[in-house]
Amino acid sequence: MTQYTEGPWKAVQYGDGSWVVTQKGEKPQDHICQCANFTPTIRDDGSNNARLIAAAPELLEALREIVQHDGTDQDYRDEWTEALAFRQCQDIAARAIAKAEA
């Protein structure tokens, strides 16, 4: 498994308008990345990229849950349990999407 900085991550805007993705705080040693818009045709100050990157740990968790509960596991064979597991996966995915699009 690839190692990465543990989540949750958050997008933070500085007073100068720049955006960073950070794990813990606003100190430079806490930064995961800095986001900027290098494409003049896109009207974004880096915030959209920062929010999407900050949601990466939750998006990965949602995908893992979906793959884990694919309906083939013995515990998820009956319709009620399978539907409940699917709904939980949807909830995780919806929270990750909301964070990315906030």
PDB file of N, CA and C in Angstrom:
ATOM      1  N   MET A   1       0.842  -1.184   0.000  1.00  0.00           N
ATOM      2  CA  MET A   1       0.000   0.000   0.000  1.00  0.00           C
ATOM      3  C   MET A   1       0.886   1.245   0.000  1.00  0.00           C
ATOM      4  N   THR A   2       0.540   2.201  -0.800  1.00  0.00           N
ATOM      5  CA  THR A   2       1.274   3.451  -0.869  1.00  0.00           C
ATOM      6  C   THR A   2       1.014   4.260   0.394  1.00  0.00           C
ATOM      7  N   GLN A   3       2.075   4.837   0.920  1.00  0.00           N
ATOM      8  CA  GLN A   3       1.942   5.664   2.115  1.00  0.00           C
ATOM      9  C   GLN A   3       1.697   7.115   1.707  1.00  0.00           C
ATOM     10  N   TYR A   4       0.864   7.789   2.433  1.00  0.00           N
ATOM     11  CA  TYR A   4       0.584   9.193   2.190  1.00  0.00           C
ATOM     12  C   TYR A   4       0.298   9.857   3.527  1.00  0.00           C
ATOM     13  N   THR A   5       0.248  11.163   3.531  1.00  0.00           N
ATOM     14  CA  THR A   5      -0.031  11.906   4.752  1.00  0.00           C
ATOM     15  C   THR A   5      -1.445  11.602   5.210  1.00  0.00           C
ATOM     16  N   GLU A   6      -1.561  11.182   6.450  1.00  0.00           N
ATOM     17  CA  GLU A   6      -2.859  10.797   7.001  1.00  0.00           C
ATOM     18  C   GLU A   6      -3.826  11.976   7.002  1.00  0.00           C
ATOM     19  N   GLY A   7      -5.092  11.694   6.719  1.00  0.00           N
ATOM     20  CA  GLY A   7      -6.136  12.717   6.735  1.00  0.00           C
ATOM     21  C   GLY A   7      -6.682  12.894   8.129  1.00  0.00           C
ATOM     22  N   PRO A   8      -7.608  13.759   8.345  1.00  0.00           N
ATOM     23  CA  PRO A   8      -8.219  14.585   7.315  1.00  0.00           C
ATOM     24  C   PRO A   8      -7.317  15.744   6.905  1.00  0.00           C
ATOM     25  N   TRP A   9      -7.521  16.206   5.686  1.00  0.00           N
ATOM     26  CA  TRP A   9      -6.834  17.381   5.174  1.00  0.00           C
ATOM     27  C   TRP A   9      -7.845  18.513   5.067  1.00  0.00           C
ATOM     28  N   LYS A  10      -7.344  19.742   5.019  1.00  0.00           N
ATOM     29  CA  LYS A  10      -8.265  20.868   4.837  1.00  0.00           C
ATOM     30  C   LYS A  10      -7.617  21.917   3.937  1.00  0.00           C
ATOM     31  N   ALA A  11      -8.455  22.645   3.233  1.00  0.00           N
ATOM     32  CA  ALA A  11      -8.008  23.747   2.383  1.00  0.00           C
ATOM     33  C   ALA A  11      -8.040  25.018   3.217  1.00  0.00           C
ATOM     34  N   VAL A  12      -6.944  25.781   3.162  1.00  0.00           N
ATOM     35  CA  VAL A  12      -6.819  27.006   3.949  1.00  0.00           C
ATOM     36  C   VAL A  12      -6.396  28.144   3.022  1.00  0.00           C
ATOM     37  N   GLN A  13      -7.084  29.271   3.141  1.00  0.00           N
ATOM     38  CA  GLN A  13      -6.712  30.444   2.350  1.00  0.00           C
ATOM     39  C   GLN A  13      -5.955  31.419   3.230  1.00  0.00           C
ATOM     40  N   TYR A  14      -4.841  31.916   2.706  1.00  0.00           N
ATOM     41  CA  TYR A  14      -4.050  32.917   3.413  1.00  0.00           C
ATOM     42  C   TYR A  14      -4.535  34.318   3.063  1.00  0.00           C
ATOM     43  N   GLY A  15      -4.104  35.280   3.832  1.00  0.00           N
ATOM     44  CA  GLY A  15      -4.494  36.668   3.618  1.00  0.00           C
ATOM     45  C   GLY A  15      -4.105  37.194   2.250  1.00  0.00           C
ATOM     46  N   ASP A  16      -3.042  36.627   1.655  1.00  0.00           N
ATOM     47  CA  ASP A  16      -2.616  37.094   0.333  1.00  0.00           C
ATOM     48  C   ASP A  16      -3.418  36.444  -0.788  1.00  0.00           C
ATOM     49  N   GLY A  17      -4.416  35.610  -0.429  1.00  0.00           N
ATOM     50  CA  GLY A  17      -5.268  34.970  -1.419  1.00  0.00           C
ATOM     51  C   GLY A  17      -4.803  33.604  -1.864  1.00  0.00           C
ATOM     52  N   SER A  18      -3.617  33.182  -1.454  1.00  0.00           N
ATOM     53  CA  SER A  18      -3.124  31.866  -1.862  1.00  0.00           C
ATOM     54  C   SER A  18      -3.811  30.772  -1.057  1.00  0.00           C
ATOM     55  N   TRP A  19      -3.849  29.575  -1.626  1.00  0.00           N
ATOM     56  CA  TRP A  19      -4.489  28.428  -0.996  1.00  0.00           C
ATOM     57  C   TRP A  19      -3.470  27.330  -0.763  1.00  0.00           C
ATOM     58  N   VAL A  20      -3.555  26.673   0.390  1.00  0.00           N
ATOM     59  CA  VAL A  20      -2.735  25.506   0.688  1.00  0.00           C
ATOM     60  C   VAL A  20      -3.635  24.398   1.204  1.00  0.00           C
ATOM     61  N   VAL A  21      -3.154  23.176   1.072  1.00  0.00           N
ATOM     62  CA  VAL A  21      -3.813  22.028   1.678  1.00  0.00           C
ATOM     63  C   VAL A  21      -2.922  21.613   2.825  1.00  0.00           C
ATOM     64  N   THR A  22      -3.515  21.454   3.998  1.00  0.00           N
ATOM     65  CA  THR A  22      -2.746  21.167   5.193  1.00  0.00           C
ATOM     66  C   THR A  22      -3.396  20.042   5.984  1.00  0.00           C
ATOM     67  N   GLN A  23      -2.572  19.382   6.774  1.00  0.00           N
ATOM     68  CA  GLN A  23      -3.091  18.304   7.610  1.00  0.00           C
ATOM     69  C   GLN A  23      -3.447  18.814   8.995  1.00  0.00           C
ATOM     70  N   LYS A  24      -2.578  19.570   9.606  1.00  0.00           N
ATOM     71  CA  LYS A  24      -2.768  19.939  11.004  1.00  0.00           C
ATOM     72  C   LYS A  24      -3.033  21.419  11.201  1.00  0.00           C
ATOM     73  N   GLY A  25      -2.189  22.244  10.658  1.00  0.00           N
ATOM     74  CA  GLY A  25      -2.296  23.665  10.931  1.00  0.00           C
ATOM     75  C   GLY A  25      -1.852  24.486   9.754  1.00  0.00           C
ATOM     76  N   GLU A  26      -1.555  25.737  10.034  1.00  0.00           N
ATOM     77  CA  GLU A  26      -1.206  26.648   8.954  1.00  0.00           C
ATOM     78  C   GLU A  26       0.284  26.909   8.862  1.00  0.00           C
ATOM     79  N   LYS A  27       1.099  26.203   9.639  1.00  0.00           N
ATOM     80  CA  LYS A  27       2.550  26.364   9.566  1.00  0.00           C
ATOM     81  C   LYS A  27       3.062  25.690   8.298  1.00  0.00           C
ATOM     82  N   PRO A  28       4.112  26.242   7.694  1.00  0.00           N
ATOM     83  CA  PRO A  28       4.637  25.641   6.452  1.00  0.00           C
ATOM     84  C   PRO A  28       4.966  24.158   6.570  1.00  0.00           C
ATOM     85  N   GLN A  29       5.419  23.705   7.722  1.00  0.00           N
ATOM     86  CA  GLN A  29       5.750  22.281   7.873  1.00  0.00           C
ATOM     87  C   GLN A  29       4.513  21.384   7.884  1.00  0.00           C
ATOM     88  N   ASP A  30       3.332  21.969   8.038  1.00  0.00           N
ATOM     89  CA  ASP A  30       2.079  21.203   8.015  1.00  0.00           C
ATOM     90  C   ASP A  30       1.473  21.111   6.618  1.00  0.00           C
ATOM     91  N   HIS A  31       2.006  21.866   5.653  1.00  0.00           N
ATOM     92  CA  HIS A  31       1.425  21.930   4.314  1.00  0.00           C
ATOM     93  C   HIS A  31       1.666  20.640   3.538  1.00  0.00           C
ATOM     94  N   ILE A  32       0.641  20.220   2.854  1.00  0.00           N
ATOM     95  CA  ILE A  32       0.735  19.084   1.943  1.00  0.00           C
ATOM     96  C   ILE A  32       1.062  19.605   0.555  1.00  0.00           C
ATOM     97  N   CYS A  33       0.382  20.676   0.145  1.00  0.00           N
ATOM     98  CA  CYS A  33       0.675  21.300  -1.141  1.00  0.00           C
ATOM     99  C   CYS A  33       0.096  22.703  -1.173  1.00  0.00           C
ATOM    100  N   GLN A  34       0.589  23.484  -2.116  1.00  0.00           N
ATOM    101  CA  GLN A  34       0.052  24.817  -2.368  1.00  0.00           C
ATOM    102  C   GLN A  34      -0.646  24.769  -3.710  1.00  0.00           C
ATOM    103  N   CYS A  35      -1.797  25.405  -3.817  1.00  0.00           N
ATOM    104  CA  CYS A  35      -2.592  25.353  -5.043  1.00  0.00           C
ATOM    105  C   CYS A  35      -2.635  26.726  -5.696  1.00  0.00           C
ATOM    106  N   ALA A  36      -2.407  26.717  -6.989  1.00  0.00           N
ATOM    107  CA  ALA A  36      -2.494  27.946  -7.771  1.00  0.00           C
ATOM    108  C   ALA A  36      -3.083  27.606  -9.124  1.00  0.00           C
ATOM    109  N   ASN A  37      -3.643  28.593  -9.765  1.00  0.00           N
ATOM    110  CA  ASN A  37      -4.197  28.398 -11.099  1.00  0.00           C
ATOM    111  C   ASN A  37      -3.167  28.870 -12.110  1.00  0.00           C
ATOM    112  N   PHE A  38      -2.689  27.928 -12.919  1.00  0.00           N
ATOM    113  CA  PHE A  38      -1.718  28.277 -13.947  1.00  0.00           C
ATOM    114  C   PHE A  38      -2.353  28.302 -15.333  1.00  0.00           C
ATOM    115  N   THR A  39      -3.670  28.121 -15.403  1.00  0.00           N
ATOM    116  CA  THR A  39      -4.373  28.113 -16.678  1.00  0.00           C
ATOM    117  C   THR A  39      -5.214  29.382 -16.783  1.00  0.00           C
ATOM    118  N   PRO A  40      -4.830  30.319 -17.640  1.00  0.00           N
ATOM    119  CA  PRO A  40      -5.560  31.593 -17.700  1.00  0.00           C
ATOM    120  C   PRO A  40      -7.012  31.469 -18.143  1.00  0.00           C
ATOM    121  N   THR A  41      -7.379  30.367 -18.793  1.00  0.00           N
ATOM    122  CA  THR A  41      -8.764  30.225 -19.250  1.00  0.00           C
ATOM    123  C   THR A  41      -9.696  29.767 -18.140  1.00  0.00           C
ATOM    124  N   ILE A  42      -9.142  29.309 -17.027  1.00  0.00           N
ATOM    125  CA  ILE A  42      -9.959  28.859 -15.899  1.00  0.00           C
ATOM    126  C   ILE A  42      -9.967  29.957 -14.845  1.00  0.00           C
ATOM    127  N   ARG A  43     -11.166  30.357 -14.429  1.00  0.00           N
ATOM    128  CA  ARG A  43     -11.264  31.397 -13.399  1.00  0.00           C
ATOM    129  C   ARG A  43     -11.336  30.736 -12.033  1.00  0.00           C
ATOM    130  N   ASP A  44     -10.154  30.532 -11.472  1.00  0.00           N
ATOM    131  CA  ASP A  44     -10.061  29.892 -10.157  1.00  0.00           C
ATOM    132  C   ASP A  44      -8.809  30.420  -9.479  1.00  0.00           C
ATOM    133  N   ASP A  45      -8.920  30.777  -8.251  1.00  0.00           N
ATOM    134  CA  ASP A  45      -7.770  31.274  -7.506  1.00  0.00           C
ATOM    135  C   ASP A  45      -6.985  30.140  -6.845  1.00  0.00           C
ATOM    136  N   GLY A  46      -7.298  28.912  -7.176  1.00  0.00           N
ATOM    137  CA  GLY A  46      -6.660  27.758  -6.558  1.00  0.00           C
ATOM    138  C   GLY A  46      -7.559  27.086  -5.541  1.00  0.00           C
ATOM    139  N   SER A  47      -8.673  27.738  -5.181  1.00  0.00           N
ATOM    140  CA  SER A  47      -9.539  27.193  -4.135  1.00  0.00           C
ATOM    141  C   SER A  47     -10.205  25.892  -4.550  1.00  0.00           C
ATOM    142  N   ASN A  48     -10.642  25.784  -5.809  1.00  0.00           N
ATOM    143  CA  ASN A  48     -11.294  24.550  -6.251  1.00  0.00           C
ATOM    144  C   ASN A  48     -10.329  23.375  -6.212  1.00  0.00           C
ATOM    145  N   ASN A  49      -9.112  23.588  -6.685  1.00  0.00           N
ATOM    146  CA  ASN A  49      -8.106  22.528  -6.628  1.00  0.00           C
ATOM    147  C   ASN A  49      -7.780  22.170  -5.181  1.00  0.00           C
ATOM    148  N   ALA A  50      -7.654  23.176  -4.321  1.00  0.00           N
ATOM    149  CA  ALA A  50      -7.339  22.937  -2.917  1.00  0.00           C
ATOM    150  C   ALA A  50      -8.432  22.110  -2.247  1.00  0.00           C
ATOM    151  N   ARG A  51      -9.686  22.424  -2.514  1.00  0.00           N
ATOM    152  CA  ARG A  51     -10.792  21.678  -1.901  1.00  0.00           C
ATOM    153  C   ARG A  51     -10.827  20.229  -2.392  1.00  0.00           C
ATOM    154  N   LEU A  52     -10.595  20.039  -3.677  1.00  0.00           N
ATOM    155  CA  LEU A  52     -10.586  18.688  -4.221  1.00  0.00           C
ATOM    156  C   LEU A  52      -9.438  17.869  -3.633  1.00  0.00           C
ATOM    157  N   ILE A  53      -8.265  18.457  -3.552  1.00  0.00           N
ATOM    158  CA  ILE A  53      -7.120  17.753  -2.978  1.00  0.00           C
ATOM    159  C   ILE A  53      -7.359  17.465  -1.501  1.00  0.00           C
ATOM    160  N   ALA A  54      -7.933  18.425  -0.778  1.00  0.00           N
ATOM    161  CA  ALA A  54      -8.200  18.227   0.654  1.00  0.00           C
ATOM    162  C   ALA A  54      -9.185  17.097   0.890  1.00  0.00           C
ATOM    163  N   ALA A  55     -10.054  16.827  -0.068  1.00  0.00           N
ATOM    164  CA  ALA A  55     -11.035  15.747   0.071  1.00  0.00           C
ATOM    165  C   ALA A  55     -10.466  14.385  -0.309  1.00  0.00           C
ATOM    166  N   ALA A  56      -9.233  14.327  -0.783  1.00  0.00           N
ATOM    167  CA  ALA A  56      -8.646  13.072  -1.263  1.00  0.00           C
ATOM    168  C   ALA A  56      -8.708  11.928  -0.247  1.00  0.00           C
ATOM    169  N   PRO A  57      -8.360  12.137   1.034  1.00  0.00           N
ATOM    170  CA  PRO A  57      -8.455  11.010   1.970  1.00  0.00           C
ATOM    171  C   PRO A  57      -9.872  10.458   2.110  1.00  0.00           C
ATOM    172  N   GLU A  58     -10.877  11.347   2.148  1.00  0.00           N
ATOM    173  CA  GLU A  58     -12.256  10.900   2.257  1.00  0.00           C
ATOM    174  C   GLU A  58     -12.719  10.205   0.973  1.00  0.00           C
ATOM    175  N   LEU A  59     -12.283  10.705  -0.179  1.00  0.00           N
ATOM    176  CA  LEU A  59     -12.634  10.066  -1.446  1.00  0.00           C
ATOM    177  C   LEU A  59     -12.039   8.664  -1.520  1.00  0.00           C
ATOM    178  N   LEU A  60     -10.789   8.522  -1.069  1.00  0.00           N
ATOM    179  CA  LEU A  60     -10.155   7.206  -1.045  1.00  0.00           C
ATOM    180  C   LEU A  60     -10.896   6.264  -0.101  1.00  0.00           C
ATOM    181  N   GLU A  61     -11.292   6.762   1.064  1.00  0.00           N
ATOM    182  CA  GLU A  61     -12.054   5.946   2.011  1.00  0.00           C
ATOM    183  C   GLU A  61     -13.379   5.501   1.402  1.00  0.00           C
ATOM    184  N   ALA A  62     -14.063   6.414   0.715  1.00  0.00           N
ATOM    185  CA  ALA A  62     -15.344   6.073   0.094  1.00  0.00           C
ATOM    186  C   ALA A  62     -15.158   4.980  -0.953  1.00  0.00           C
ATOM    187  N   LEU A  63     -14.140   5.106  -1.771  1.00  0.00           N
ATOM    188  CA  LEU A  63     -13.884   4.082  -2.784  1.00  0.00           C
ATOM    189  C   LEU A  63     -13.551   2.739  -2.154  1.00  0.00           C
ATOM    190  N   ARG A  64     -12.762   2.759  -1.092  1.00  0.00           N
ATOM    191  CA  ARG A  64     -12.441   1.495  -0.403  1.00  0.00           C
ATOM    192  C   ARG A  64     -13.699   0.838   0.157  1.00  0.00           C
ATOM    193  N   GLU A  65     -14.590   1.632   0.736  1.00  0.00           N
ATOM    194  CA  GLU A  65     -15.835   1.093   1.278  1.00  0.00           C
ATOM    195  C   GLU A  65     -16.692   0.481   0.176  1.00  0.00           C
ATOM    196  N   ILE A  66     -16.782   1.168  -0.951  1.00  0.00           N
ATOM    197  CA  ILE A  66     -17.577   0.659  -2.060  1.00  0.00           C
ATOM    198  C   ILE A  66     -17.018  -0.663  -2.564  1.00  0.00           C
ATOM    199  N   VAL A  67     -15.701  -0.734  -2.708  1.00  0.00           N
ATOM    200  CA  VAL A  67     -15.072  -1.971  -3.179  1.00  0.00           C
ATOM    201  C   VAL A  67     -15.232  -3.085  -2.154  1.00  0.00           C
ATOM    202  N   GLN A  68     -15.074  -2.754  -0.883  1.00  0.00           N
ATOM    203  CA  GLN A  68     -15.177  -3.762   0.178  1.00  0.00           C
ATOM    204  C   GLN A  68     -16.581  -4.350   0.257  1.00  0.00           C
ATOM    205  N   HIS A  69     -17.591  -3.540   0.070  1.00  0.00           N
ATOM    206  CA  HIS A  69     -18.980  -3.983   0.194  1.00  0.00           C
ATOM    207  C   HIS A  69     -19.612  -4.131  -1.182  1.00  0.00           C
ATOM    208  N   ASP A  70     -19.044  -5.000  -1.974  1.00  0.00           N
ATOM    209  CA  ASP A  70     -19.530  -5.165  -3.344  1.00  0.00           C
ATOM    210  C   ASP A  70     -20.666  -6.172  -3.459  1.00  0.00           C
ATOM    211  N   GLY A  71     -21.162  -6.699  -2.349  1.00  0.00           N
ATOM    212  CA  GLY A  71     -22.282  -7.619  -2.383  1.00  0.00           C
ATOM    213  C   GLY A  71     -21.890  -9.081  -2.444  1.00  0.00           C
ATOM    214  N   THR A  72     -20.608  -9.362  -2.577  1.00  0.00           N
ATOM    215  CA  THR A  72     -20.177 -10.753  -2.663  1.00  0.00           C
ATOM    216  C   THR A  72     -19.768 -11.312  -1.311  1.00  0.00           C
ATOM    217  N   ASP A  73     -19.560 -10.437  -0.341  1.00  0.00           N
ATOM    218  CA  ASP A  73     -19.190 -10.865   1.012  1.00  0.00           C
ATOM    219  C   ASP A  73     -20.395 -11.559   1.657  1.00  0.00           C
ATOM    220  N   GLN A  74     -20.177 -12.644   2.344  1.00  0.00           N
ATOM    221  CA  GLN A  74     -21.249 -13.428   2.970  1.00  0.00           C
ATOM    222  C   GLN A  74     -22.114 -12.563   3.887  1.00  0.00           C
ATOM    223  N   ASP A  75     -21.513 -11.605   4.577  1.00  0.00           N
ATOM    224  CA  ASP A  75     -22.263 -10.764   5.509  1.00  0.00           C
ATOM    225  C   ASP A  75     -23.242  -9.833   4.801  1.00  0.00           C
ATOM    226  N   TYR A  76     -23.098  -9.652   3.506  1.00  0.00           N
ATOM    227  CA  TYR A  76     -23.933  -8.695   2.791  1.00  0.00           C
ATOM    228  C   TYR A  76     -24.830  -9.368   1.751  1.00  0.00           C
ATOM    229  N   ARG A  77     -25.159 -10.619   1.962  1.00  0.00           N
ATOM    230  CA  ARG A  77     -25.952 -11.342   0.967  1.00  0.00           C
ATOM    231  C   ARG A  77     -27.441 -11.060   1.058  1.00  0.00           C
ATOM    232  N   ASP A  78     -27.959 -10.844   2.259  1.00  0.00           N
ATOM    233  CA  ASP A  78     -29.401 -10.584   2.312  1.00  0.00           C
ATOM    234  C   ASP A  78     -29.664  -9.134   1.894  1.00  0.00           C
ATOM    235  N   GLU A  79     -30.814  -8.904   1.312  1.00  0.00           N
ATOM    236  CA  GLU A  79     -31.124  -7.610   0.703  1.00  0.00           C
ATOM    237  C   GLU A  79     -31.060  -6.450   1.697  1.00  0.00           C
ATOM    238  N   TRP A  80     -31.582  -6.660   2.897  1.00  0.00           N
ATOM    239  CA  TRP A  80     -31.613  -5.576   3.883  1.00  0.00           C
ATOM    240  C   TRP A  80     -30.201  -5.151   4.265  1.00  0.00           C
ATOM    241  N   THR A  81     -29.344  -6.111   4.589  1.00  0.00           N
ATOM    242  CA  THR A  81     -27.979  -5.802   5.002  1.00  0.00           C
ATOM    243  C   THR A  81     -27.203  -5.192   3.843  1.00  0.00           C
ATOM    244  N   GLU A  82     -27.399  -5.723   2.650  1.00  0.00           N
ATOM    245  CA  GLU A  82     -26.704  -5.191   1.481  1.00  0.00           C
ATOM    246  C   GLU A  82     -27.138  -3.752   1.195  1.00  0.00           C
ATOM    247  N   ALA A  83     -28.427  -3.480   1.305  1.00  0.00           N
ATOM    248  CA  ALA A  83     -28.935  -2.126   1.082  1.00  0.00           C
ATOM    249  C   ALA A  83     -28.392  -1.160   2.132  1.00  0.00           C
ATOM    250  N   LEU A  84     -28.316  -1.604   3.375  1.00  0.00           N
ATOM    251  CA  LEU A  84     -27.784  -0.765   4.443  1.00  0.00           C
ATOM    252  C   LEU A  84     -26.306  -0.468   4.199  1.00  0.00           C
ATOM    253  N   ALA A  85     -25.533  -1.472   3.818  1.00  0.00           N
ATOM    254  CA  ALA A  85     -24.112  -1.276   3.534  1.00  0.00           C
ATOM    255  C   ALA A  85     -23.931  -0.313   2.362  1.00  0.00           C
ATOM    256  N   PHE A  86     -24.758  -0.470   1.339  1.00  0.00           N
ATOM    257  CA  PHE A  86     -24.673   0.422   0.188  1.00  0.00           C
ATOM    258  C   PHE A  86     -24.999   1.848   0.598  1.00  0.00           C
ATOM    259  N   ARG A  87     -26.014   2.016   1.436  1.00  0.00           N
ATOM    260  CA  ARG A  87     -26.392   3.359   1.902  1.00  0.00           C
ATOM    261  C   ARG A  87     -25.259   3.992   2.704  1.00  0.00           C
ATOM    262  N   GLN A  88     -24.571   3.204   3.520  1.00  0.00           N
ATOM    263  CA  GLN A  88     -23.433   3.721   4.281  1.00  0.00           C
ATOM    264  C   GLN A  88     -22.315   4.177   3.332  1.00  0.00           C
ATOM    265  N   CYS A  89     -22.084   3.389   2.285  1.00  0.00           N
ATOM    266  CA  CYS A  89     -21.088   3.771   1.283  1.00  0.00           C
ATOM    267  C   CYS A  89     -21.491   5.071   0.594  1.00  0.00           C
ATOM    268  N   GLN A  90     -22.771   5.202   0.281  1.00  0.00           N
ATOM    269  CA  GLN A  90     -23.259   6.431  -0.341  1.00  0.00           C
ATOM    270  C   GLN A  90     -23.055   7.632   0.581  1.00  0.00           C
ATOM    271  N   ASP A  91     -23.301   7.449   1.866  1.00  0.00           N
ATOM    272  CA  ASP A  91     -23.129   8.536   2.827  1.00  0.00           C
ATOM    273  C   ASP A  91     -21.666   8.982   2.891  1.00  0.00           C
ATOM    274  N   ILE A  92     -20.751   8.025   2.926  1.00  0.00           N
ATOM    275  CA  ILE A  92     -19.320   8.351   2.953  1.00  0.00           C
ATOM    276  C   ILE A  92     -18.946   9.101   1.681  1.00  0.00           C
ATOM    277  N   ALA A  93     -19.410   8.595   0.548  1.00  0.00           N
ATOM    278  CA  ALA A  93     -19.104   9.241  -0.726  1.00  0.00           C
ATOM    279  C   ALA A  93     -19.716  10.633  -0.791  1.00  0.00           C
ATOM    280  N   ALA A  94     -20.931  10.806  -0.321  1.00  0.00           N
ATOM    281  CA  ALA A  94     -21.591  12.118  -0.358  1.00  0.00           C
ATOM    282  C   ALA A  94     -20.849  13.137   0.500  1.00  0.00           C
ATOM    283  N   ARG A  95     -20.355  12.724   1.668  1.00  0.00           N
ATOM    284  CA  ARG A  95     -19.588  13.635   2.511  1.00  0.00           C
ATOM    285  C   ARG A  95     -18.287  14.056   1.819  1.00  0.00           C
ATOM    286  N   ALA A  96     -17.635  13.114   1.164  1.00  0.00           N
ATOM    287  CA  ALA A  96     -16.383  13.427   0.461  1.00  0.00           C
ATOM    288  C   ALA A  96     -16.640  14.381  -0.705  1.00  0.00           C
ATOM    289  N   ILE A  97     -17.716  14.141  -1.442  1.00  0.00           N
ATOM    290  CA  ILE A  97     -18.064  15.030  -2.557  1.00  0.00           C
ATOM    291  C   ILE A  97     -18.387  16.427  -2.036  1.00  0.00           C
ATOM    292  N   ALA A  98     -19.154  16.497  -0.956  1.00  0.00           N
ATOM    293  CA  ALA A  98     -19.504  17.809  -0.378  1.00  0.00           C
ATOM    294  C   ALA A  98     -18.256  18.569   0.040  1.00  0.00           C
ATOM    295  N   LYS A  99     -17.291  17.870   0.616  1.00  0.00           N
ATOM    296  CA  LYS A  99     -16.053  18.533   1.030  1.00  0.00           C
ATOM    297  C   LYS A  99     -15.288  19.037  -0.188  1.00  0.00           C
ATOM    298  N   ALA A 100     -15.247  18.247  -1.244  1.00  0.00           N
ATOM    299  CA  ALA A 100     -14.514  18.634  -2.444  1.00  0.00           C
ATOM    300  C   ALA A 100     -15.175  19.812  -3.149  1.00  0.00           C
ATOM    301  N   GLU A 101     -16.498  19.907  -3.058  1.00  0.00           N
ATOM    302  CA  GLU A 101     -17.220  20.933  -3.789  1.00  0.00           C
ATOM    303  C   GLU A 101     -17.667  22.111  -2.927  1.00  0.00           C
ATOM    304  N   ALA A 102     -17.249  22.139  -1.659  1.00  0.00           N
ATOM    305  CA  ALA A 102     -17.684  23.198  -0.735  1.00  0.00           C
ATOM    306  C   ALA A 102     -17.265  24.568  -1.188  1.00  0.00           C
TER     307      ALA A 102
END
